[in-house]
């Protein structure tokens, strides 16, 4: 049983999009709409427990702004989120959201080794397109056989719908793949589809529980900038490459 495919989450996994992009974009959208809301880094950390931008806005209104007047919360959240997405895409186009260490290298090595690539995320397709196009080039969108994004499935993470959908589209079984995630909601989603999952934490998720991860790292690492192994079996590897992924896959068959 050989490793055939790698399936990547986006926000927090490929780039620190939450801190450097989405949080900034939310606050800029609030200001542009004349709302006196400012989400701090600490508050956003809590709000990230709710996946999906529109759901996050509705949760914030219901739990933090009970006196806020609105005729239709669903429509209000959708309009705020649409503006926030426009601003986020602009930030990406301005080059303000770089990829995390090792991501670009691993993509190139995986493609050279013939591994299939896919994306499974709850963020919008526009956000995915903007990040990939502006960090790797527009042609890099074709590197991914399937891009599962936005509301292509009815239930967002931590539900496993998006991973089940991606596997179905690729006609693959979970045992043939490794998923890459950064959060508890992410690994819960991947594990619902029985996927072996590699975790790279960030400042928002370093305290999350990842009991079923095959390894927990601070990032994917580079040859001159080794990863820090937070939890996992000892290895001679100091950065995530195809050989290391095959090693992990074989150990967790």
C-alpha atoms as a PDB file:
ATOM      1  CA  UNK A   1       0.000   0.000   0.000  1.00  0.00           C
ATOM      2  CA  UNK A   2       1.925   3.004  -1.306  1.00  0.00           C
ATOM      3  CA  UNK A   3       1.362   6.671  -0.610  1.00  0.00           C
ATOM      4  CA  UNK A   4      -0.455   8.185  -3.588  1.00  0.00           C
ATOM      5  CA  UNK A   5      -1.782  11.618  -2.620  1.00  0.00           C
ATOM      6  CA  UNK A   6      -1.376  14.586  -0.293  1.00  0.00           C
ATOM      7  CA  UNK A   7      -4.432  16.624   0.739  1.00  0.00           C
ATOM      8  CA  UNK A   8      -3.875  20.078   2.209  1.00  0.00           C
ATOM      9  CA  UNK A   9      -5.907  22.385   4.374  1.00  0.00           C
ATOM     10  CA  UNK A  10      -5.266  26.073   3.550  1.00  0.00           C
ATOM     11  CA  UNK A  11      -5.782  28.575   6.373  1.00  0.00           C
ATOM     12  CA  UNK A  12      -3.071  28.186   8.982  1.00  0.00           C
ATOM     13  CA  UNK A  13      -1.551  25.201   7.169  1.00  0.00           C
ATOM     14  CA  UNK A  14      -0.218  26.600   3.895  1.00  0.00           C
ATOM     15  CA  UNK A  15       0.145  30.135   5.258  1.00  0.00           C
ATOM     16  CA  UNK A  16      -0.581  32.079   8.426  1.00  0.00           C
ATOM     17  CA  UNK A  17      -3.654  33.404   6.691  1.00  0.00           C
ATOM     18  CA  UNK A  18      -5.708  33.778   9.859  1.00  0.00           C
ATOM     19  CA  UNK A  19      -3.361  36.204  11.630  1.00  0.00           C
ATOM     20  CA  UNK A  20      -1.887  37.958   8.597  1.00  0.00           C
ATOM     21  CA  UNK A  21      -4.942  37.941   6.354  1.00  0.00           C
ATOM     22  CA  UNK A  22      -8.401  37.068   7.626  1.00  0.00           C
ATOM     23  CA  UNK A  23      -8.187  38.933  10.944  1.00  0.00           C
ATOM     24  CA  UNK A  24      -6.835  42.040   9.225  1.00  0.00           C
ATOM     25  CA  UNK A  25      -9.515  41.777   6.529  1.00  0.00           C
ATOM     26  CA  UNK A  26     -12.344  41.364   9.041  1.00  0.00           C
ATOM     27  CA  UNK A  27     -11.311  44.516  10.910  1.00  0.00           C
ATOM     28  CA  UNK A  28     -10.889  46.515   7.687  1.00  0.00           C
ATOM     29  CA  UNK A  29     -14.347  45.373   6.543  1.00  0.00           C
ATOM     30  CA  UNK A  30     -15.908  46.389   9.861  1.00  0.00           C
ATOM     31  CA  UNK A  31     -14.330  49.837   9.598  1.00  0.00           C
ATOM     32  CA  UNK A  32     -15.434  50.281   5.975  1.00  0.00           C
ATOM     33  CA  UNK A  33     -19.013  49.396   6.953  1.00  0.00           C
ATOM     34  CA  UNK A  34     -18.990  51.888   9.826  1.00  0.00           C
ATOM     35  CA  UNK A  35     -19.101  49.205  12.520  1.00  0.00           C
ATOM     36  CA  UNK A  36     -17.226  50.000  15.724  1.00  0.00           C
ATOM     37  CA  UNK A  37     -16.047  46.393  16.032  1.00  0.00           C
ATOM     38  CA  UNK A  38     -12.375  45.535  16.423  1.00  0.00           C
ATOM     39  CA  UNK A  39     -11.396  41.900  16.798  1.00  0.00           C
ATOM     40  CA  UNK A  40      -8.218  41.539  18.828  1.00  0.00           C
ATOM     41  CA  UNK A  41      -5.796  38.689  18.271  1.00  0.00           C
ATOM     42  CA  UNK A  42      -6.949  37.195  21.586  1.00  0.00           C
ATOM     43  CA  UNK A  43     -10.641  37.381  20.650  1.00  0.00           C
ATOM     44  CA  UNK A  44     -10.009  36.001  17.181  1.00  0.00           C
ATOM     45  CA  UNK A  45      -8.253  33.051  18.758  1.00  0.00           C
ATOM     46  CA  UNK A  46     -11.561  32.215  20.477  1.00  0.00           C
ATOM     47  CA  UNK A  47     -13.681  32.914  17.407  1.00  0.00           C
ATOM     48  CA  UNK A  48     -11.642  30.445  15.368  1.00  0.00           C
ATOM     49  CA  UNK A  49     -13.421  27.667  17.234  1.00  0.00           C
ATOM     50  CA  UNK A  50     -16.259  28.431  14.796  1.00  0.00           C
ATOM     51  CA  UNK A  51     -15.328  27.405  11.251  1.00  0.00           C
ATOM     52  CA  UNK A  52     -16.526  29.474   8.304  1.00  0.00           C
ATOM     53  CA  UNK A  53     -16.468  33.270   8.157  1.00  0.00           C
ATOM     54  CA  UNK A  54     -20.228  33.834   7.984  1.00  0.00           C
ATOM     55  CA  UNK A  55     -20.862  31.489  10.892  1.00  0.00           C
ATOM     56  CA  UNK A  56     -18.099  33.269  12.831  1.00  0.00           C
ATOM     57  CA  UNK A  57     -19.777  36.649  12.292  1.00  0.00           C
ATOM     58  CA  UNK A  58     -23.150  35.314  13.423  1.00  0.00           C
ATOM     59  CA  UNK A  59     -21.567  33.709  16.478  1.00  0.00           C
ATOM     60  CA  UNK A  60     -19.887  37.010  17.359  1.00  0.00           C
ATOM     61  CA  UNK A  61     -23.155  38.940  17.077  1.00  0.00           C
ATOM     62  CA  UNK A  62     -25.107  36.403  19.126  1.00  0.00           C
ATOM     63  CA  UNK A  63     -22.509  35.927  21.851  1.00  0.00           C
ATOM     64  CA  UNK A  64     -20.716  39.269  22.048  1.00  0.00           C
ATOM     65  CA  UNK A  65     -23.130  41.860  20.605  1.00  0.00           C
ATOM     66  CA  UNK A  66     -26.616  40.866  21.849  1.00  0.00           C
ATOM     67  CA  UNK A  67     -27.889  44.444  21.497  1.00  0.00           C
ATOM     68  CA  UNK A  68     -26.821  44.772  17.892  1.00  0.00           C
ATOM     69  CA  UNK A  69     -29.853  45.489  15.700  1.00  0.00           C
ATOM     70  CA  UNK A  70     -30.283  43.591  12.441  1.00  0.00           C
ATOM     71  CA  UNK A  71     -33.270  42.618  10.278  1.00  0.00           C
ATOM     72  CA  UNK A  72     -31.745  39.466   8.802  1.00  0.00           C
ATOM     73  CA  UNK A  73     -28.601  38.127  10.439  1.00  0.00           C
ATOM     74  CA  UNK A  74     -27.925  35.652   7.640  1.00  0.00           C
ATOM     75  CA  UNK A  75     -27.981  38.367   4.965  1.00  0.00           C
ATOM     76  CA  UNK A  76     -25.985  40.740   7.151  1.00  0.00           C
ATOM     77  CA  UNK A  77     -23.286  38.136   7.797  1.00  0.00           C
ATOM     78  CA  UNK A  78     -23.145  37.250   4.100  1.00  0.00           C
ATOM     79  CA  UNK A  79     -22.649  40.889   3.065  1.00  0.00           C
ATOM     80  CA  UNK A  80     -19.945  41.525   5.666  1.00  0.00           C
ATOM     81  CA  UNK A  81     -18.182  38.329   4.693  1.00  0.00           C
ATOM     82  CA  UNK A  82     -18.314  39.206   0.987  1.00  0.00           C
ATOM     83  CA  UNK A  83     -16.572  42.527   1.658  1.00  0.00           C
ATOM     84  CA  UNK A  84     -14.069  40.833   3.948  1.00  0.00           C
ATOM     85  CA  UNK A  85     -13.256  38.337   1.174  1.00  0.00           C
ATOM     86  CA  UNK A  86     -12.634  41.184  -1.295  1.00  0.00           C
ATOM     87  CA  UNK A  87     -10.255  42.808   1.179  1.00  0.00           C
ATOM     88  CA  UNK A  88      -8.515  39.503   1.938  1.00  0.00           C
ATOM     89  CA  UNK A  89      -7.908  38.878  -1.762  1.00  0.00           C
ATOM     90  CA  UNK A  90      -6.462  42.385  -2.071  1.00  0.00           C
ATOM     91  CA  UNK A  91      -4.067  41.703   0.819  1.00  0.00           C
ATOM     92  CA  UNK A  92      -2.927  38.505  -0.869  1.00  0.00           C
ATOM     93  CA  UNK A  93      -2.407  40.327  -4.179  1.00  0.00           C
ATOM     94  CA  UNK A  94      -0.263  42.842  -2.299  1.00  0.00           C
ATOM     95  CA  UNK A  95       2.015  39.997  -1.191  1.00  0.00           C
ATOM     96  CA  UNK A  96       1.262  40.364   2.506  1.00  0.00           C
ATOM     97  CA  UNK A  97       0.595  36.666   3.195  1.00  0.00           C
ATOM     98  CA  UNK A  98       3.603  34.422   2.450  1.00  0.00           C
ATOM     99  CA  UNK A  99       3.566  30.633   2.494  1.00  0.00           C
ATOM    100  CA  UNK A 100       4.818  28.862   5.621  1.00  0.00           C
ATOM    101  CA  UNK A 101       8.292  27.264   5.648  1.00  0.00           C
ATOM    102  CA  UNK A 102       8.619  24.197   3.472  1.00  0.00           C
ATOM    103  CA  UNK A 103       5.286  24.460   1.676  1.00  0.00           C
ATOM    104  CA  UNK A 104       6.513  25.478  -1.776  1.00  0.00           C
ATOM    105  CA  UNK A 105       9.424  23.040  -1.622  1.00  0.00           C
ATOM    106  CA  UNK A 106       7.161  20.139  -0.648  1.00  0.00           C
ATOM    107  CA  UNK A 107       4.708  20.898  -3.450  1.00  0.00           C
ATOM    108  CA  UNK A 108       7.532  20.794  -5.998  1.00  0.00           C
ATOM    109  CA  UNK A 109       9.061  17.615  -4.564  1.00  0.00           C
ATOM    110  CA  UNK A 110       5.694  15.858  -4.402  1.00  0.00           C
ATOM    111  CA  UNK A 111       4.922  16.713  -8.014  1.00  0.00           C
ATOM    112  CA  UNK A 112       8.350  15.512  -9.120  1.00  0.00           C
ATOM    113  CA  UNK A 113       7.726  12.225  -7.277  1.00  0.00           C
ATOM    114  CA  UNK A 114       4.358  11.733  -8.988  1.00  0.00           C
ATOM    115  CA  UNK A 115       2.213  12.236  -5.894  1.00  0.00           C
ATOM    116  CA  UNK A 116      -1.269  13.595  -6.497  1.00  0.00           C
ATOM    117  CA  UNK A 117      -2.204  16.869  -4.753  1.00  0.00           C
ATOM    118  CA  UNK A 118      -5.546  18.180  -3.530  1.00  0.00           C
ATOM    119  CA  UNK A 119      -6.989  20.856  -1.258  1.00  0.00           C
ATOM    120  CA  UNK A 120      -9.709  20.406   1.364  1.00  0.00           C
ATOM    121  CA  UNK A 121     -10.687  23.647   3.068  1.00  0.00           C
ATOM    122  CA  UNK A 122     -13.652  25.602   4.389  1.00  0.00           C
ATOM    123  CA  UNK A 123     -12.405  28.918   3.043  1.00  0.00           C
ATOM    124  CA  UNK A 124     -13.868  30.325  -0.182  1.00  0.00           C
ATOM    125  CA  UNK A 125     -12.601  29.380  -3.645  1.00  0.00           C
ATOM    126  CA  UNK A 126     -11.636  33.030  -4.218  1.00  0.00           C
ATOM    127  CA  UNK A 127      -9.380  32.928  -1.161  1.00  0.00           C
ATOM    128  CA  UNK A 128      -7.708  29.722  -2.339  1.00  0.00           C
ATOM    129  CA  UNK A 129      -7.191  31.069  -5.866  1.00  0.00           C
ATOM    130  CA  UNK A 130      -5.714  34.316  -4.537  1.00  0.00           C
ATOM    131  CA  UNK A 131      -3.283  32.632  -2.158  1.00  0.00           C
ATOM    132  CA  UNK A 132      -2.045  30.023  -4.642  1.00  0.00           C
ATOM    133  CA  UNK A 133      -1.831  32.424  -7.587  1.00  0.00           C
ATOM    134  CA  UNK A 134       0.054  35.110  -5.705  1.00  0.00           C
ATOM    135  CA  UNK A 135       2.523  32.850  -3.909  1.00  0.00           C
ATOM    136  CA  UNK A 136       3.158  30.157  -6.528  1.00  0.00           C
ATOM    137  CA  UNK A 137       1.805  31.617  -9.775  1.00  0.00           C
ATOM    138  CA  UNK A 138      -1.589  31.220 -11.427  1.00  0.00           C
ATOM    139  CA  UNK A 139      -0.465  28.048 -13.211  1.00  0.00           C
ATOM    140  CA  UNK A 140       0.019  26.398  -9.802  1.00  0.00           C
ATOM    141  CA  UNK A 141      -3.748  26.045  -9.458  1.00  0.00           C
ATOM    142  CA  UNK A 142      -3.410  23.215 -11.983  1.00  0.00           C
ATOM    143  CA  UNK A 143      -1.075  21.357  -9.614  1.00  0.00           C
ATOM    144  CA  UNK A 144      -4.111  20.349  -7.563  1.00  0.00           C
ATOM    145  CA  UNK A 145      -6.247  17.611  -9.027  1.00  0.00           C
ATOM    146  CA  UNK A 146      -9.167  18.622  -6.799  1.00  0.00           C
ATOM    147  CA  UNK A 147      -9.793  21.858  -4.905  1.00  0.00           C
ATOM    148  CA  UNK A 148     -12.507  21.314  -2.323  1.00  0.00           C
ATOM    149  CA  UNK A 149     -13.358  24.784  -1.013  1.00  0.00           C
ATOM    150  CA  UNK A 150     -16.230  26.876   0.288  1.00  0.00           C
ATOM    151  CA  UNK A 151     -19.726  25.462   0.412  1.00  0.00           C
ATOM    152  CA  UNK A 152     -19.191  22.565  -2.001  1.00  0.00           C
ATOM    153  CA  UNK A 153     -20.408  20.359   0.884  1.00  0.00           C
ATOM    154  CA  UNK A 154     -23.255  21.059   3.347  1.00  0.00           C
ATOM    155  CA  UNK A 155     -21.274  20.769   6.579  1.00  0.00           C
ATOM    156  CA  UNK A 156     -18.021  22.581   7.328  1.00  0.00           C
ATOM    157  CA  UNK A 157     -15.150  21.286   9.448  1.00  0.00           C
ATOM    158  CA  UNK A 158     -15.048  19.651  12.001  1.00  0.00           C
ATOM    159  CA  UNK A 159     -17.494  17.575   9.942  1.00  0.00           C
ATOM    160  CA  UNK A 160     -15.648  15.288   7.550  1.00  0.00           C
ATOM    161  CA  UNK A 161     -17.751  16.175   4.496  1.00  0.00           C
ATOM    162  CA  UNK A 162     -15.008  18.053   2.614  1.00  0.00           C
ATOM    163  CA  UNK A 163     -12.490  15.219   2.950  1.00  0.00           C
ATOM    164  CA  UNK A 164     -15.051  12.596   1.942  1.00  0.00           C
ATOM    165  CA  UNK A 165     -15.891  14.744  -1.091  1.00  0.00           C
ATOM    166  CA  UNK A 166     -12.254  15.172  -2.113  1.00  0.00           C
ATOM    167  CA  UNK A 167     -11.549  11.448  -1.778  1.00  0.00           C
ATOM    168  CA  UNK A 168     -14.630  10.661  -3.859  1.00  0.00           C
ATOM    169  CA  UNK A 169     -13.598  13.136  -6.562  1.00  0.00           C
ATOM    170  CA  UNK A 170     -10.106  11.604  -6.703  1.00  0.00           C
ATOM    171  CA  UNK A 171     -11.437   8.036  -6.556  1.00  0.00           C
ATOM    172  CA  UNK A 172      -8.995   7.301  -3.743  1.00  0.00           C
ATOM    173  CA  UNK A 173      -9.214   5.530  -0.415  1.00  0.00           C
ATOM    174  CA  UNK A 174      -8.103   7.256   2.779  1.00  0.00           C
ATOM    175  CA  UNK A 175      -5.336   4.695   3.323  1.00  0.00           C
ATOM    176  CA  UNK A 176      -3.612   5.965   0.162  1.00  0.00           C
ATOM    177  CA  UNK A 177      -3.289   9.562   1.405  1.00  0.00           C
ATOM    178  CA  UNK A 178      -1.885  11.901   4.032  1.00  0.00           C
ATOM    179  CA  UNK A 179      -3.772  15.034   5.095  1.00  0.00           C
ATOM    180  CA  UNK A 180      -2.093  18.214   6.321  1.00  0.00           C
ATOM    181  CA  UNK A 181      -3.874  20.257   8.986  1.00  0.00           C
ATOM    182  CA  UNK A 182      -3.173  22.815  11.711  1.00  0.00           C
ATOM    183  CA  UNK A 183      -6.191  22.762  14.044  1.00  0.00           C
ATOM    184  CA  UNK A 184      -8.379  20.510  16.156  1.00  0.00           C
ATOM    185  CA  UNK A 185     -11.364  21.123  13.869  1.00  0.00           C
ATOM    186  CA  UNK A 186      -9.149  20.213  10.937  1.00  0.00           C
ATOM    187  CA  UNK A 187      -7.906  16.916  12.304  1.00  0.00           C
ATOM    188  CA  UNK A 188     -11.423  16.010  13.463  1.00  0.00           C
ATOM    189  CA  UNK A 189     -12.581  16.518   9.878  1.00  0.00           C
ATOM    190  CA  UNK A 190      -9.719  14.487   8.417  1.00  0.00           C
ATOM    191  CA  UNK A 191     -10.109  11.684  10.945  1.00  0.00           C
ATOM    192  CA  UNK A 192     -13.823  11.436  10.137  1.00  0.00           C
ATOM    193  CA  UNK A 193     -12.622  10.349   6.705  1.00  0.00           C
ATOM    194  CA  UNK A 194     -10.005   8.010   8.294  1.00  0.00           C
ATOM    195  CA  UNK A 195      -7.094  10.029   6.919  1.00  0.00           C
ATOM    196  CA  UNK A 196      -3.608   9.868   8.377  1.00  0.00           C
ATOM    197  CA  UNK A 197      -2.948  13.469   9.377  1.00  0.00           C
ATOM    198  CA  UNK A 198       0.244  15.496   9.761  1.00  0.00           C
ATOM    199  CA  UNK A 199      -0.144  18.594  11.921  1.00  0.00           C
ATOM    200  CA  UNK A 200       1.821  21.840  11.665  1.00  0.00           C
ATOM    201  CA  UNK A 201       0.684  24.085  14.499  1.00  0.00           C
ATOM    202  CA  UNK A 202       0.589  27.870  14.551  1.00  0.00           C
ATOM    203  CA  UNK A 203       0.113  30.446  17.292  1.00  0.00           C
ATOM    204  CA  UNK A 204      -3.654  29.907  17.324  1.00  0.00           C
ATOM    205  CA  UNK A 205      -3.539  26.125  17.476  1.00  0.00           C
ATOM    206  CA  UNK A 206      -0.430  25.164  19.459  1.00  0.00           C
ATOM    207  CA  UNK A 207      -2.594  24.382  22.505  1.00  0.00           C
ATOM    208  CA  UNK A 208      -5.083  22.211  20.576  1.00  0.00           C
ATOM    209  CA  UNK A 209      -5.390  18.468  21.141  1.00  0.00           C
ATOM    210  CA  UNK A 210      -4.141  16.268  18.296  1.00  0.00           C
ATOM    211  CA  UNK A 211      -4.265  12.822  19.845  1.00  0.00           C
ATOM    212  CA  UNK A 212      -4.652  11.000  16.527  1.00  0.00           C
ATOM    213  CA  UNK A 213      -2.042  12.887  14.486  1.00  0.00           C
ATOM    214  CA  UNK A 214       0.759  10.814  12.952  1.00  0.00           C
ATOM    215  CA  UNK A 215       3.167  13.628  13.856  1.00  0.00           C
ATOM    216  CA  UNK A 216       2.912  17.184  15.234  1.00  0.00           C
ATOM    217  CA  UNK A 217       5.463  19.732  13.970  1.00  0.00           C
ATOM    218  CA  UNK A 218       5.942  23.474  14.257  1.00  0.00           C
ATOM    219  CA  UNK A 219       6.252  23.674  10.445  1.00  0.00           C
ATOM    220  CA  UNK A 220       7.374  21.577   7.483  1.00  0.00           C
ATOM    221  CA  UNK A 221      10.962  22.758   7.803  1.00  0.00           C
ATOM    222  CA  UNK A 222      13.665  23.421   5.238  1.00  0.00           C
ATOM    223  CA  UNK A 223      17.106  21.831   4.741  1.00  0.00           C
ATOM    224  CA  UNK A 224      18.688  24.856   6.449  1.00  0.00           C
ATOM    225  CA  UNK A 225      15.813  25.436   8.876  1.00  0.00           C
ATOM    226  CA  UNK A 226      14.780  22.144  10.542  1.00  0.00           C
ATOM    227  CA  UNK A 227      11.315  21.556  11.925  1.00  0.00           C
ATOM    228  CA  UNK A 228      10.709  21.131  15.637  1.00  0.00           C
ATOM    229  CA  UNK A 229       9.007  17.835  16.427  1.00  0.00           C
ATOM    230  CA  UNK A 230       6.382  18.467  19.094  1.00  0.00           C
ATOM    231  CA  UNK A 231       5.088  14.910  19.155  1.00  0.00           C
ATOM    232  CA  UNK A 232       5.840  11.846  17.087  1.00  0.00           C
ATOM    233  CA  UNK A 233       8.189   8.926  16.546  1.00  0.00           C
ATOM    234  CA  UNK A 234      11.908   9.755  16.343  1.00  0.00           C
ATOM    235  CA  UNK A 235      13.248  10.125  12.800  1.00  0.00           C
ATOM    236  CA  UNK A 236      16.444  11.086  11.044  1.00  0.00           C
ATOM    237  CA  UNK A 237      14.409  13.588   9.023  1.00  0.00           C
ATOM    238  CA  UNK A 238      14.778  17.277   9.848  1.00  0.00           C
ATOM    239  CA  UNK A 239      12.351  18.590   7.236  1.00  0.00           C
ATOM    240  CA  UNK A 240       9.253  17.135   5.587  1.00  0.00           C
ATOM    241  CA  UNK A 241      10.042  15.685   2.174  1.00  0.00           C
ATOM    242  CA  UNK A 242       8.587  12.822   0.150  1.00  0.00           C
ATOM    243  CA  UNK A 243      10.858  10.213   1.745  1.00  0.00           C
ATOM    244  CA  UNK A 244       9.776  11.302   5.230  1.00  0.00           C
ATOM    245  CA  UNK A 245       6.104  11.199   4.237  1.00  0.00           C
ATOM    246  CA  UNK A 246       6.531   7.687   2.861  1.00  0.00           C
ATOM    247  CA  UNK A 247       8.208   6.734   6.148  1.00  0.00           C
ATOM    248  CA  UNK A 248       5.283   8.139   8.140  1.00  0.00           C
ATOM    249  CA  UNK A 249       2.745   6.503   5.856  1.00  0.00           C
ATOM    250  CA  UNK A 250       4.403   3.083   6.180  1.00  0.00           C
ATOM    251  CA  UNK A 251       4.557   3.330   9.987  1.00  0.00           C
ATOM    252  CA  UNK A 252       0.852   4.114  10.247  1.00  0.00           C
ATOM    253  CA  UNK A 253      -0.606   1.687   7.737  1.00  0.00           C
END
